[in-house]
Amino acid sequence: SWSKLKMAVSVQFGGHSNPGNKYHGLNQDAYLSTVYLNKQRSDATDEGIYIFGVFDGHNLLGEIAAKIASQQFQQFFENTAQSHWDKNEKIHLSESLMQEAFAYVNSKIKEFYTKVPEQYKFPAEGSRQTHSKGKIAAKLEMDTFRLLKEDGDAYYVKLNQKRVVDFGTTAVVAVMAGGKLLMGSVGDSKGILCKQRGQDLIPDVVSIIHNVKNPDEVKRVADMNVTWTSDGYACVTDVRHSCQHQLAMSRALGHIILEPMGIISVPSVILTQLNSKHAFLVLATDGVWDHMSDAEMLNRLMECEDAEECARSIVDEVMELTASAEDVSDNATIVIVAM
């Protein structure tokens, strides 16, 4: 339902996620869409804070990183809001607040390295499955990895495979309070705030993507032992573990090994004053954006009457596109906010 707070906007929101078939039914995405209300005073300047986010985990245990990120961003901003309200203060959205949130969540993900399970099951390679709208149609085949601790490092091993334990997640997070939008991002998930211009929707604010398409990122990691493959993956040479790590991004949360090597968790942050022309905010993982351009997304939003139904429809469309092309469908996740 429409939530009308003292924020100069009325907001309706919803999200949807589908695992696709790339990881044979395992969904390493997560999303966050909630509103936290100030229950102490009905006449308070700030009645509530909206918190949105999408997260795309990667590597073994990537789904845990995405889940922790979703939970901890919500916890951080709810606690921040409550601490202000307890002192009868307004919520002050700022770049430093979002940076603090990312640092906090990054530390919470890294805490899990001390709790990784002794055994971990991950979908076996080469057992791709058919699907309709991303629904899995066959029983999963799972590889079982066991934990090995050696020389202060942790590995997951299976037969002749030995993989150092290092996992993470992308994040694009948006917070709305007091008529402002604060958005932070690491990785290749993307957020777009769009506004009405006549009968059309146009992008107004787009989050920063951290991958090979961002020349500033390519320049940043150039002297940090990071190279780029021909298909756009950041390739990090790990001398200590005698291996190379490949990621589709140059920033992410949670990497205990790769962060000192250039895969940093510092977000790009944008702060915007909302106005009556702003119509939609959309956050999505690359499983959506790889199959839908910004213009195509705005066209779908023009037809949106219910945010949650619209989110489901867009993800279903992505699944149908990959199915008709007999292509592999990645985890696909979206949050839509209608204003």
C-alpha atoms as a PDB file:
ATOM      1  CA  SER A   1       0.000   0.000   0.000  1.00  0.00           C
ATOM      2  CA  TRP A   2       1.003   3.630  -0.373  1.00  0.00           C
ATOM      3  CA  SER A   3       3.008   4.883   2.577  1.00  0.00           C
ATOM      4  CA  LYS A   4       2.582   8.634   3.081  1.00  0.00           C
ATOM      5  CA  LEU A   5       5.205  10.086   5.389  1.00  0.00           C
ATOM      6  CA  LYS A   6       6.290  13.687   5.913  1.00  0.00           C
ATOM      7  CA  MET A   7       8.831  13.415   3.136  1.00  0.00           C
ATOM      8  CA  ALA A   8       7.280  15.455   0.297  1.00  0.00           C
ATOM      9  CA  VAL A   9       6.580  12.163  -1.490  1.00  0.00           C
ATOM     10  CA  SER A  10       4.240   9.192  -1.218  1.00  0.00           C
ATOM     11  CA  VAL A  11       5.958   5.880  -1.765  1.00  0.00           C
ATOM     12  CA  GLN A  12       4.897   2.440  -2.930  1.00  0.00           C
ATOM     13  CA  PHE A  13       7.529  -0.255  -3.220  1.00  0.00           C
ATOM     14  CA  GLY A  14       8.086  -3.921  -3.964  1.00  0.00           C
ATOM     15  CA  GLY A  15      10.779  -6.373  -4.978  1.00  0.00           C
ATOM     16  CA  HIS A  16      11.261  -9.748  -6.601  1.00  0.00           C
ATOM     17  CA  SER A  17      14.114 -12.221  -7.066  1.00  0.00           C
ATOM     18  CA  ASN A  18      14.536 -15.343  -9.195  1.00  0.00           C
ATOM     19  CA  PRO A  19      17.534 -17.734  -9.016  1.00  0.00           C
ATOM     20  CA  GLY A  20      17.508 -18.539 -12.727  1.00  0.00           C
ATOM     21  CA  ASN A  21      19.528 -21.598 -13.766  1.00  0.00           C
ATOM     22  CA  LYS A  22      23.138 -20.383 -13.816  1.00  0.00           C
ATOM     23  CA  TYR A  23      23.796 -21.795 -10.353  1.00  0.00           C
ATOM     24  CA  HIS A  24      21.234 -24.556 -10.745  1.00  0.00           C
ATOM     25  CA  GLY A  25      18.699 -23.042  -8.378  1.00  0.00           C
ATOM     26  CA  LEU A  26      20.995 -21.428  -5.833  1.00  0.00           C
ATOM     27  CA  ASN A  27      20.115 -17.762  -5.413  1.00  0.00           C
ATOM     28  CA  GLN A  28      23.118 -15.688  -4.356  1.00  0.00           C
ATOM     29  CA  ASP A  29      21.078 -12.464  -4.632  1.00  0.00           C
ATOM     30  CA  ALA A  30      19.198 -10.758  -1.823  1.00  0.00           C
ATOM     31  CA  TYR A  31      17.156  -7.576  -1.554  1.00  0.00           C
ATOM     32  CA  LEU A  32      15.893  -5.139   1.043  1.00  0.00           C
ATOM     33  CA  SER A  33      12.746  -3.006   0.895  1.00  0.00           C
ATOM     34  CA  THR A  34      11.282  -1.662   4.093  1.00  0.00           C
ATOM     35  CA  VAL A  35      10.139   1.415   5.961  1.00  0.00           C
ATOM     36  CA  TYR A  36      11.007   2.029   9.623  1.00  0.00           C
ATOM     37  CA  LEU A  37       8.564   4.269  11.464  1.00  0.00           C
ATOM     38  CA  ASN A  38       9.097   6.708  14.295  1.00  0.00           C
ATOM     39  CA  LYS A  39       6.562   5.311  16.763  1.00  0.00           C
ATOM     40  CA  GLN A  40       7.399   7.706  19.585  1.00  0.00           C
ATOM     41  CA  ARG A  41       5.869  10.888  18.203  1.00  0.00           C
ATOM     42  CA  SER A  42       3.149  11.253  15.615  1.00  0.00           C
ATOM     43  CA  ASP A  43       4.048  14.938  15.191  1.00  0.00           C
ATOM     44  CA  ALA A  44       7.779  14.329  14.703  1.00  0.00           C
ATOM     45  CA  THR A  45       9.639  16.049  11.898  1.00  0.00           C
ATOM     46  CA  ASP A  46      10.789  12.649  10.633  1.00  0.00           C
ATOM     47  CA  GLU A  47       8.030  10.031  10.681  1.00  0.00           C
ATOM     48  CA  GLY A  48      10.087   7.322   9.078  1.00  0.00           C
ATOM     49  CA  ILE A  49      12.964   6.193   6.922  1.00  0.00           C
ATOM     50  CA  TYR A  50      12.779   4.079   3.762  1.00  0.00           C
ATOM     51  CA  ILE A  51      15.588   1.557   3.211  1.00  0.00           C
ATOM     52  CA  PHE A  52      16.142  -0.250  -0.106  1.00  0.00           C
ATOM     53  CA  GLY A  53      18.935  -2.382  -1.511  1.00  0.00           C
ATOM     54  CA  VAL A  54      19.929  -5.214  -3.838  1.00  0.00           C
ATOM     55  CA  PHE A  55      22.913  -7.487  -3.290  1.00  0.00           C
ATOM     56  CA  ASP A  56      24.589  -9.984  -5.629  1.00  0.00           C
ATOM     57  CA  GLY A  57      26.864 -12.447  -3.832  1.00  0.00           C
ATOM     58  CA  HIS A  58      29.732 -14.268  -5.516  1.00  0.00           C
ATOM     59  CA  ASN A  59      32.129 -17.162  -4.917  1.00  0.00           C
ATOM     60  CA  LEU A  60      31.495 -20.019  -2.497  1.00  0.00           C
ATOM     61  CA  LEU A  61      29.344 -18.645   0.368  1.00  0.00           C
ATOM     62  CA  GLY A  62      28.417 -15.582  -1.700  1.00  0.00           C
ATOM     63  CA  GLU A  63      24.759 -16.105  -0.810  1.00  0.00           C
ATOM     64  CA  ILE A  64      25.700 -15.695   2.867  1.00  0.00           C
ATOM     65  CA  ALA A  65      27.456 -12.399   2.135  1.00  0.00           C
ATOM     66  CA  ALA A  66      24.380 -11.065   0.311  1.00  0.00           C
ATOM     67  CA  LYS A  67      22.056 -12.148   3.122  1.00  0.00           C
ATOM     68  CA  ILE A  68      24.238 -10.575   5.818  1.00  0.00           C
ATOM     69  CA  ALA A  69      24.426  -7.341   3.808  1.00  0.00           C
ATOM     70  CA  SER A  70      20.647  -7.155   3.483  1.00  0.00           C
ATOM     71  CA  GLN A  71      20.109  -7.723   7.205  1.00  0.00           C
ATOM     72  CA  GLN A  72      22.884  -5.463   8.448  1.00  0.00           C
ATOM     73  CA  PHE A  73      22.118  -2.447   6.235  1.00  0.00           C
ATOM     74  CA  GLN A  74      18.568  -2.541   7.564  1.00  0.00           C
ATOM     75  CA  GLN A  75      19.830  -2.833  11.134  1.00  0.00           C
ATOM     76  CA  PHE A  76      22.328   0.006  10.693  1.00  0.00           C
ATOM     77  CA  PHE A  77      19.864   2.542   9.293  1.00  0.00           C
ATOM     78  CA  GLU A  78      17.084   1.609  11.710  1.00  0.00           C
ATOM     79  CA  ASN A  79      19.465   2.038  14.641  1.00  0.00           C
ATOM     80  CA  THR A  80      20.736   5.330  13.201  1.00  0.00           C
ATOM     81  CA  ALA A  81      17.198   6.664  12.776  1.00  0.00           C
ATOM     82  CA  GLN A  82      16.162   5.573  16.258  1.00  0.00           C
ATOM     83  CA  SER A  83      19.183   7.206  17.885  1.00  0.00           C
ATOM     84  CA  HIS A  84      18.220  10.526  16.276  1.00  0.00           C
ATOM     85  CA  TRP A  85      14.561  10.205  17.225  1.00  0.00           C
ATOM     86  CA  ASP A  86      15.426   9.322  20.821  1.00  0.00           C
ATOM     87  CA  LYS A  87      17.123  12.740  21.002  1.00  0.00           C
ATOM     88  CA  ASN A  88      14.291  14.446  19.114  1.00  0.00           C
ATOM     89  CA  GLU A  89      16.592  15.106  16.167  1.00  0.00           C
ATOM     90  CA  LYS A  90      16.073  14.892  12.419  1.00  0.00           C
ATOM     91  CA  ILE A  91      17.804  12.195  10.408  1.00  0.00           C
ATOM     92  CA  HIS A  92      20.711  13.796   8.599  1.00  0.00           C
ATOM     93  CA  LEU A  93      21.521  11.961   5.371  1.00  0.00           C
ATOM     94  CA  SER A  94      25.115  12.483   4.234  1.00  0.00           C
ATOM     95  CA  GLU A  95      27.904  10.871   2.244  1.00  0.00           C
ATOM     96  CA  SER A  96      29.759  10.090   5.473  1.00  0.00           C
ATOM     97  CA  LEU A  97      26.701   8.260   6.843  1.00  0.00           C
ATOM     98  CA  MET A  98      26.576   5.944   3.815  1.00  0.00           C
ATOM     99  CA  GLN A  99      30.334   5.360   4.018  1.00  0.00           C
ATOM    100  CA  GLU A 100      29.930   4.465   7.684  1.00  0.00           C
ATOM    101  CA  ALA A 101      27.125   2.048   6.786  1.00  0.00           C
ATOM    102  CA  PHE A 102      29.245   0.263   4.172  1.00  0.00           C
ATOM    103  CA  ALA A 103      32.197  -0.012   6.563  1.00  0.00           C
ATOM    104  CA  TYR A 104      29.916  -1.450   9.246  1.00  0.00           C
ATOM    105  CA  VAL A 105      28.334  -4.023   6.922  1.00  0.00           C
ATOM    106  CA  ASN A 106      31.720  -4.969   5.472  1.00  0.00           C
ATOM    107  CA  SER A 107      32.962  -5.748   8.980  1.00  0.00           C
ATOM    108  CA  LYS A 108      29.851  -7.844   9.717  1.00  0.00           C
ATOM    109  CA  ILE A 109      30.384  -9.955   6.595  1.00  0.00           C
ATOM    110  CA  LYS A 110      34.032 -10.485   7.523  1.00  0.00           C
ATOM    111  CA  GLU A 111      32.975 -11.758  10.960  1.00  0.00           C
ATOM    112  CA  PHE A 112      31.495 -14.775   9.193  1.00  0.00           C
ATOM    113  CA  TYR A 113      34.968 -15.967   8.142  1.00  0.00           C
ATOM    114  CA  THR A 114      35.376 -17.261  11.709  1.00  0.00           C
ATOM    115  CA  LYS A 115      32.111 -19.220  11.372  1.00  0.00           C
ATOM    116  CA  VAL A 116      32.376 -20.841   7.929  1.00  0.00           C
ATOM    117  CA  PRO A 117      30.908 -24.368   7.981  1.00  0.00           C
ATOM    118  CA  GLU A 118      33.104 -27.470   8.048  1.00  0.00           C
ATOM    119  CA  GLN A 119      31.222 -28.723   4.995  1.00  0.00           C
ATOM    120  CA  TYR A 120      29.638 -26.662   2.240  1.00  0.00           C
ATOM    121  CA  LYS A 121      27.507 -27.832  -0.667  1.00  0.00           C
ATOM    122  CA  PHE A 122      27.529 -25.938  -3.938  1.00  0.00           C
ATOM    123  CA  PRO A 123      25.764 -26.819  -7.219  1.00  0.00           C
ATOM    124  CA  ALA A 124      27.960 -29.038  -9.376  1.00  0.00           C
ATOM    125  CA  GLU A 125      29.288 -27.638 -12.629  1.00  0.00           C
ATOM    126  CA  GLY A 126      27.896 -28.991 -15.892  1.00  0.00           C
ATOM    127  CA  SER A 127      24.443 -29.915 -14.542  1.00  0.00           C
ATOM    128  CA  ARG A 128      22.522 -27.106 -16.199  1.00  0.00           C
ATOM    129  CA  GLN A 129      18.756 -27.395 -15.942  1.00  0.00           C
ATOM    130  CA  THR A 130      15.770 -26.359 -17.993  1.00  0.00           C
ATOM    131  CA  HIS A 131      13.361 -23.810 -16.624  1.00  0.00           C
ATOM    132  CA  SER A 132      10.184 -21.890 -17.281  1.00  0.00           C
ATOM    133  CA  LYS A 133      10.407 -18.335 -15.987  1.00  0.00           C
ATOM    134  CA  GLY A 134      13.513 -19.484 -14.168  1.00  0.00           C
ATOM    135  CA  LYS A 135      11.791 -22.331 -12.313  1.00  0.00           C
ATOM    136  CA  ILE A 136      14.067 -25.314 -11.766  1.00  0.00           C
ATOM    137  CA  ALA A 137      12.850 -28.490 -13.429  1.00  0.00           C
ATOM    138  CA  ALA A 138      15.425 -31.086 -12.321  1.00  0.00           C
ATOM    139  CA  LYS A 139      16.991 -32.341  -9.143  1.00  0.00           C
ATOM    140  CA  LEU A 140      20.190 -30.542  -8.221  1.00  0.00           C
ATOM    141  CA  GLU A 141      23.565 -32.217  -8.214  1.00  0.00           C
ATOM    142  CA  MET A 142      25.686 -30.803  -5.438  1.00  0.00           C
ATOM    143  CA  ASP A 143      29.433 -30.805  -4.840  1.00  0.00           C
ATOM    144  CA  THR A 144      30.467 -31.163  -1.219  1.00  0.00           C
ATOM    145  CA  PHE A 145      33.515 -29.189  -0.110  1.00  0.00           C
ATOM    146  CA  ARG A 146      35.246 -29.705   3.219  1.00  0.00           C
ATOM    147  CA  LEU A 147      37.042 -26.998   5.138  1.00  0.00           C
ATOM    148  CA  LEU A 148      40.839 -27.130   5.378  1.00  0.00           C
ATOM    149  CA  LYS A 149      42.825 -24.724   7.538  1.00  0.00           C
ATOM    150  CA  GLU A 150      46.453 -24.396   6.554  1.00  0.00           C
ATOM    151  CA  ASP A 151      49.135 -21.831   7.453  1.00  0.00           C
ATOM    152  CA  GLY A 152      46.539 -19.440   8.860  1.00  0.00           C
ATOM    153  CA  ASP A 153      44.317 -19.604   5.763  1.00  0.00           C
ATOM    154  CA  ALA A 154      41.056 -21.411   5.086  1.00  0.00           C
ATOM    155  CA  TYR A 155      40.325 -23.459   1.969  1.00  0.00           C
ATOM    156  CA  TYR A 156      37.432 -25.496   0.648  1.00  0.00           C
ATOM    157  CA  VAL A 157      38.665 -28.709  -0.914  1.00  0.00           C
ATOM    158  CA  LYS A 158      37.071 -31.398  -3.062  1.00  0.00           C
ATOM    159  CA  LEU A 159      39.140 -34.114  -4.741  1.00  0.00           C
ATOM    160  CA  ASN A 160      41.761 -32.167  -6.708  1.00  0.00           C
ATOM    161  CA  GLN A 161      40.098 -28.782  -6.162  1.00  0.00           C
ATOM    162  CA  LYS A 162      41.429 -26.410  -3.493  1.00  0.00           C
ATOM    163  CA  ARG A 163      39.750 -23.023  -3.292  1.00  0.00           C
ATOM    164  CA  VAL A 164      40.805 -20.348  -0.838  1.00  0.00           C
ATOM    165  CA  VAL A 165      37.828 -19.053   1.172  1.00  0.00           C
ATOM    166  CA  ASP A 166      37.132 -15.520  -0.029  1.00  0.00           C
ATOM    167  CA  PHE A 167      33.631 -14.313  -0.807  1.00  0.00           C
ATOM    168  CA  GLY A 168      31.693 -11.089  -1.173  1.00  0.00           C
ATOM    169  CA  THR A 169      28.733  -9.254  -2.592  1.00  0.00           C
ATOM    170  CA  THR A 170      27.821  -6.219  -4.632  1.00  0.00           C
ATOM    171  CA  ALA A 171      25.546  -3.632  -3.048  1.00  0.00           C
ATOM    172  CA  VAL A 172      23.461  -0.722  -4.194  1.00  0.00           C
ATOM    173  CA  VAL A 173      21.622   0.833  -1.254  1.00  0.00           C
ATOM    174  CA  ALA A 174      19.165   3.715  -1.223  1.00  0.00           C
ATOM    175  CA  VAL A 175      17.780   5.497   1.828  1.00  0.00           C
ATOM    176  CA  MET A 176      14.999   8.103   1.792  1.00  0.00           C
ATOM    177  CA  ALA A 177      14.252  10.466   4.671  1.00  0.00           C
ATOM    178  CA  GLY A 178      13.296  14.090   5.042  1.00  0.00           C
ATOM    179  CA  GLY A 179      12.631  14.465   1.317  1.00  0.00           C
ATOM    180  CA  LYS A 180      16.138  13.351   0.337  1.00  0.00           C
ATOM    181  CA  LEU A 181      17.582  10.261  -1.326  1.00  0.00           C
ATOM    182  CA  LEU A 182      20.988   8.884  -0.333  1.00  0.00           C
ATOM    183  CA  MET A 183      22.384   6.143  -2.600  1.00  0.00           C
ATOM    184  CA  GLY A 184      25.626   4.183  -2.252  1.00  0.00           C
ATOM    185  CA  SER A 185      27.087   1.415  -4.387  1.00  0.00           C
ATOM    186  CA  VAL A 186      29.924  -1.061  -4.853  1.00  0.00           C
ATOM    187  CA  GLY A 187      30.138  -3.481  -7.756  1.00  0.00           C
ATOM    188  CA  ASP A 188      27.999  -3.877 -10.850  1.00  0.00           C
ATOM    189  CA  SER A 189      24.485  -3.749  -9.411  1.00  0.00           C
ATOM    190  CA  LYS A 190      22.829  -0.471 -10.423  1.00  0.00           C
ATOM    191  CA  GLY A 191      20.250   2.028  -9.231  1.00  0.00           C
ATOM    192  CA  ILE A 192      18.417   4.655 -11.285  1.00  0.00           C
ATOM    193  CA  LEU A 193      16.284   7.519  -9.985  1.00  0.00           C
ATOM    194  CA  CYS A 194      14.089   8.754 -12.815  1.00  0.00           C
ATOM    195  CA  LYS A 195      11.798  11.720 -13.212  1.00  0.00           C
ATOM    196  CA  GLN A 196       8.835  12.738 -15.309  1.00  0.00           C
ATOM    197  CA  ARG A 197       9.376  14.959 -18.332  1.00  0.00           C
ATOM    198  CA  GLY A 198       6.118  15.509 -20.126  1.00  0.00           C
ATOM    199  CA  GLN A 199       4.738  12.052 -20.863  1.00  0.00           C
ATOM    200  CA  ASP A 200       8.161  10.401 -20.620  1.00  0.00           C
ATOM    201  CA  LEU A 201      10.484   9.118 -17.907  1.00  0.00           C
ATOM    202  CA  ILE A 202      14.139  10.096 -18.028  1.00  0.00           C
ATOM    203  CA  PRO A 203      17.089   9.108 -15.808  1.00  0.00           C
ATOM    204  CA  ASP A 204      17.973  11.781 -13.254  1.00  0.00           C
ATOM    205  CA  VAL A 205      20.503  10.018 -11.025  1.00  0.00           C
ATOM    206  CA  VAL A 206      22.373   6.796 -11.856  1.00  0.00           C
ATOM    207  CA  SER A 207      24.562   4.972  -9.337  1.00  0.00           C
ATOM    208  CA  ILE A 208      28.242   4.448 -10.116  1.00  0.00           C
ATOM    209  CA  ILE A 209      29.204   1.040 -11.557  1.00  0.00           C
ATOM    210  CA  HIS A 210      32.607  -0.397 -10.635  1.00  0.00           C
ATOM    211  CA  ASN A 211      33.757  -2.571 -13.516  1.00  0.00           C
ATOM    212  CA  VAL A 212      35.788  -2.451 -16.725  1.00  0.00           C
ATOM    213  CA  LYS A 213      33.344   0.068 -18.227  1.00  0.00           C
ATOM    214  CA  ASN A 214      34.337   2.638 -15.602  1.00  0.00           C
ATOM    215  CA  PRO A 215      37.624   4.298 -16.702  1.00  0.00           C
ATOM    216  CA  ASP A 216      38.230   5.749 -13.247  1.00  0.00           C
ATOM    217  CA  GLU A 217      38.147   2.243 -11.762  1.00  0.00           C
ATOM    218  CA  VAL A 218      40.430   0.846 -14.441  1.00  0.00           C
ATOM    219  CA  LYS A 219      42.889   3.631 -13.617  1.00  0.00           C
ATOM    220  CA  ARG A 220      42.551   3.078  -9.846  1.00  0.00           C
ATOM    221  CA  VAL A 221      43.511  -0.604  -9.948  1.00  0.00           C
ATOM    222  CA  ALA A 222      46.153  -0.289 -12.690  1.00  0.00           C
ATOM    223  CA  ASP A 223      49.040  -0.278 -10.206  1.00  0.00           C
ATOM    224  CA  MET A 224      47.539  -2.856  -7.834  1.00  0.00           C
ATOM    225  CA  ASN A 225      48.251  -6.121  -9.633  1.00  0.00           C
ATOM    226  CA  VAL A 226      44.779  -6.104 -11.188  1.00  0.00           C
ATOM    227  CA  THR A 227      44.370  -6.733 -14.915  1.00  0.00           C
ATOM    228  CA  TRP A 228      41.270  -7.129 -17.062  1.00  0.00           C
ATOM    229  CA  THR A 229      40.325 -10.123 -19.178  1.00  0.00           C
ATOM    230  CA  SER A 230      38.993  -9.712 -22.715  1.00  0.00           C
ATOM    231  CA  ASP A 231      35.451 -10.384 -21.448  1.00  0.00           C
ATOM    232  CA  GLY A 232      35.642  -7.718 -18.743  1.00  0.00           C
ATOM    233  CA  TYR A 233      36.636  -9.582 -15.593  1.00  0.00           C
ATOM    234  CA  ALA A 234      38.985  -8.080 -13.018  1.00  0.00           C
ATOM    235  CA  CYS A 235      41.843 -10.559 -12.644  1.00  0.00           C
ATOM    236  CA  VAL A 236      43.745 -10.384  -9.346  1.00  0.00           C
ATOM    237  CA  THR A 237      47.035 -12.251  -9.020  1.00  0.00           C
ATOM    238  CA  ASP A 238      47.276 -13.810  -5.553  1.00  0.00           C
ATOM    239  CA  VAL A 239      50.928 -14.761  -5.074  1.00  0.00           C
ATOM    240  CA  ARG A 240      50.463 -16.078  -1.541  1.00  0.00           C
ATOM    241  CA  HIS A 241      47.833 -18.607  -2.573  1.00  0.00           C
ATOM    242  CA  SER A 242      49.312 -19.285  -6.035  1.00  0.00           C
ATOM    243  CA  CYS A 243      46.087 -18.508  -7.835  1.00  0.00           C
ATOM    244  CA  GLN A 244      44.201 -15.861  -9.749  1.00  0.00           C
ATOM    245  CA  HIS A 245      40.817 -14.504  -8.733  1.00  0.00           C
ATOM    246  CA  GLN A 246      38.376 -13.257 -11.351  1.00  0.00           C
ATOM    247  CA  LEU A 247      35.480 -10.943 -10.540  1.00  0.00           C
ATOM    248  CA  ALA A 248      33.103  -9.017 -12.758  1.00  0.00           C
ATOM    249  CA  MET A 249      33.691  -5.924 -10.597  1.00  0.00           C
ATOM    250  CA  SER A 250      36.463  -3.947  -8.945  1.00  0.00           C
ATOM    251  CA  ARG A 251      34.646  -3.085  -5.689  1.00  0.00           C
ATOM    252  CA  ALA A 252      32.618  -5.330  -3.392  1.00  0.00           C
ATOM    253  CA  LEU A 253      31.807  -6.000   0.236  1.00  0.00           C
ATOM    254  CA  GLY A 254      33.285  -8.807   2.294  1.00  0.00           C
ATOM    255  CA  HIS A 255      36.562  -9.812   0.630  1.00  0.00           C
ATOM    256  CA  ILE A 256      39.109 -10.548   3.318  1.00  0.00           C
ATOM    257  CA  ILE A 257      41.852 -11.534   0.845  1.00  0.00           C
ATOM    258  CA  LEU A 258      41.081  -9.388  -2.194  1.00  0.00           C
ATOM    259  CA  GLU A 259      40.382  -6.091  -0.433  1.00  0.00           C
ATOM    260  CA  PRO A 260      44.072  -5.330   0.221  1.00  0.00           C
ATOM    261  CA  MET A 261      44.712  -6.184  -3.439  1.00  0.00           C
ATOM    262  CA  GLY A 262      42.384  -3.509  -4.814  1.00  0.00           C
ATOM    263  CA  ILE A 263      38.842  -4.933  -4.546  1.00  0.00           C
ATOM    264  CA  ILE A 264      37.814  -2.288  -2.032  1.00  0.00           C
ATOM    265  CA  SER A 265      34.547  -1.854  -0.158  1.00  0.00           C
ATOM    266  CA  VAL A 266      34.418   1.965  -0.265  1.00  0.00           C
ATOM    267  CA  PRO A 267      31.137   3.040  -1.903  1.00  0.00           C
ATOM    268  CA  SER A 268      30.416   5.708  -4.468  1.00  0.00           C
ATOM    269  CA  VAL A 269      27.745   7.920  -2.904  1.00  0.00           C
ATOM    270  CA  ILE A 270      25.109  10.287  -4.325  1.00  0.00           C
ATOM    271  CA  LEU A 271      22.807  12.576  -2.296  1.00  0.00           C
ATOM    272  CA  THR A 272      19.749  14.051  -4.025  1.00  0.00           C
ATOM    273  CA  GLN A 273      16.894  16.318  -3.005  1.00  0.00           C
ATOM    274  CA  LEU A 274      13.628  14.699  -4.067  1.00  0.00           C
ATOM    275  CA  ASN A 275      10.921  16.734  -5.766  1.00  0.00           C
ATOM    276  CA  SER A 276       7.512  16.288  -7.354  1.00  0.00           C
ATOM    277  CA  LYS A 277       9.007  15.330 -10.721  1.00  0.00           C
ATOM    278  CA  HIS A 278      10.715  12.222  -9.354  1.00  0.00           C
ATOM    279  CA  ALA A 279       8.621   9.209 -10.282  1.00  0.00           C
ATOM    280  CA  PHE A 280      10.546   5.954  -9.776  1.00  0.00           C
ATOM    281  CA  LEU A 281      13.624   4.507  -8.170  1.00  0.00           C
ATOM    282  CA  VAL A 282      14.776   1.127  -9.479  1.00  0.00           C
ATOM    283  CA  LEU A 283      17.597  -0.998  -8.061  1.00  0.00           C
ATOM    284  CA  ALA A 284      18.621  -4.233  -9.787  1.00  0.00           C
ATOM    285  CA  THR A 285      21.423  -6.770 -10.061  1.00  0.00           C
ATOM    286  CA  ASP A 286      23.304  -7.506 -13.276  1.00  0.00           C
ATOM    287  CA  GLY A 287      21.022 -10.482 -13.923  1.00  0.00           C
ATOM    288  CA  VAL A 288      18.420  -7.871 -14.889  1.00  0.00           C
ATOM    289  CA  TRP A 289      20.596  -5.140 -16.441  1.00  0.00           C
ATOM    290  CA  ASP A 290      22.458  -7.598 -18.691  1.00  0.00           C
ATOM    291  CA  HIS A 291      19.186  -8.201 -20.535  1.00  0.00           C
ATOM    292  CA  MET A 292      17.438  -4.849 -20.254  1.00  0.00           C
ATOM    293  CA  SER A 293      18.757  -1.421 -21.209  1.00  0.00           C
ATOM    294  CA  ASP A 294      18.031   1.690 -19.171  1.00  0.00           C
ATOM    295  CA  ALA A 295      15.578   2.861 -21.854  1.00  0.00           C
ATOM    296  CA  GLU A 296      13.763  -0.483 -21.860  1.00  0.00           C
ATOM    297  CA  MET A 297      13.534  -0.381 -18.078  1.00  0.00           C
ATOM    298  CA  LEU A 298      11.989   3.106 -18.135  1.00  0.00           C
ATOM    299  CA  ASN A 299       9.449   1.922 -20.707  1.00  0.00           C
ATOM    300  CA  ARG A 300       8.399  -0.899 -18.352  1.00  0.00           C
ATOM    301  CA  LEU A 301       8.102   1.542 -15.466  1.00  0.00           C
ATOM    302  CA  MET A 302       5.782   3.763 -17.542  1.00  0.00           C
ATOM    303  CA  GLU A 303       3.320   0.860 -17.481  1.00  0.00           C
ATOM    304  CA  CYS A 304       3.742   0.211 -13.742  1.00  0.00           C
ATOM    305  CA  GLU A 305       0.591   0.398 -11.597  1.00  0.00           C
ATOM    306  CA  ASP A 306       1.731  -1.764  -8.679  1.00  0.00           C
ATOM    307  CA  ALA A 307       5.405  -1.794  -7.692  1.00  0.00           C
ATOM    308  CA  GLU A 308       5.566  -5.414  -6.544  1.00  0.00           C
ATOM    309  CA  GLU A 309       3.688  -6.746  -9.568  1.00  0.00           C
ATOM    310  CA  CYS A 310       5.900  -4.659 -11.827  1.00  0.00           C
ATOM    311  CA  ALA A 311       9.034  -6.075 -10.176  1.00  0.00           C
ATOM    312  CA  ARG A 312       7.786  -9.625 -10.669  1.00  0.00           C
ATOM    313  CA  SER A 313       6.825  -8.935 -14.286  1.00  0.00           C
ATOM    314  CA  ILE A 314      10.260  -7.535 -15.164  1.00  0.00           C
ATOM    315  CA  VAL A 315      12.132 -10.463 -13.625  1.00  0.00           C
ATOM    316  CA  ASP A 316       9.790 -12.929 -15.371  1.00  0.00           C
ATOM    317  CA  GLU A 317      10.468 -11.147 -18.658  1.00  0.00           C
ATOM    318  CA  VAL A 318      14.222 -11.508 -18.141  1.00  0.00           C
ATOM    319  CA  MET A 319      13.780 -15.229 -17.486  1.00  0.00           C
ATOM    320  CA  GLU A 320      11.691 -15.630 -20.631  1.00  0.00           C
ATOM    321  CA  LEU A 321      14.302 -13.778 -22.684  1.00  0.00           C
ATOM    322  CA  THR A 322      17.071 -16.119 -21.577  1.00  0.00           C
ATOM    323  CA  ALA A 323      14.873 -19.197 -21.987  1.00  0.00           C
ATOM    324  CA  SER A 324      13.864 -18.289 -25.545  1.00  0.00           C
ATOM    325  CA  ALA A 325      17.533 -17.737 -26.406  1.00  0.00           C
ATOM    326  CA  GLU A 326      18.441 -21.044 -24.703  1.00  0.00           C
ATOM    327  CA  ASP A 327      20.859 -18.995 -22.658  1.00  0.00           C
ATOM    328  CA  VAL A 328      22.024 -19.328 -19.052  1.00  0.00           C
ATOM    329  CA  SER A 329      19.937 -17.177 -16.726  1.00  0.00           C
ATOM    330  CA  ASP A 330      21.730 -15.531 -13.826  1.00  0.00           C
ATOM    331  CA  ASN A 331      20.162 -14.699 -10.472  1.00  0.00           C
ATOM    332  CA  ALA A 332      17.920 -11.694 -11.204  1.00  0.00           C
ATOM    333  CA  THR A 333      16.706  -9.299  -8.514  1.00  0.00           C
ATOM    334  CA  ILE A 334      14.942  -5.944  -8.596  1.00  0.00           C
ATOM    335  CA  VAL A 335      13.402  -3.423  -6.199  1.00  0.00           C
ATOM    336  CA  ILE A 336      11.010  -0.795  -7.564  1.00  0.00           C
ATOM    337  CA  VAL A 337       9.971   2.324  -5.666  1.00  0.00           C
ATOM    338  CA  ALA A 338       7.087   4.345  -7.106  1.00  0.00           C
ATOM    339  CA  MET A 339       6.698   7.948  -5.952  1.00  0.00           C
END
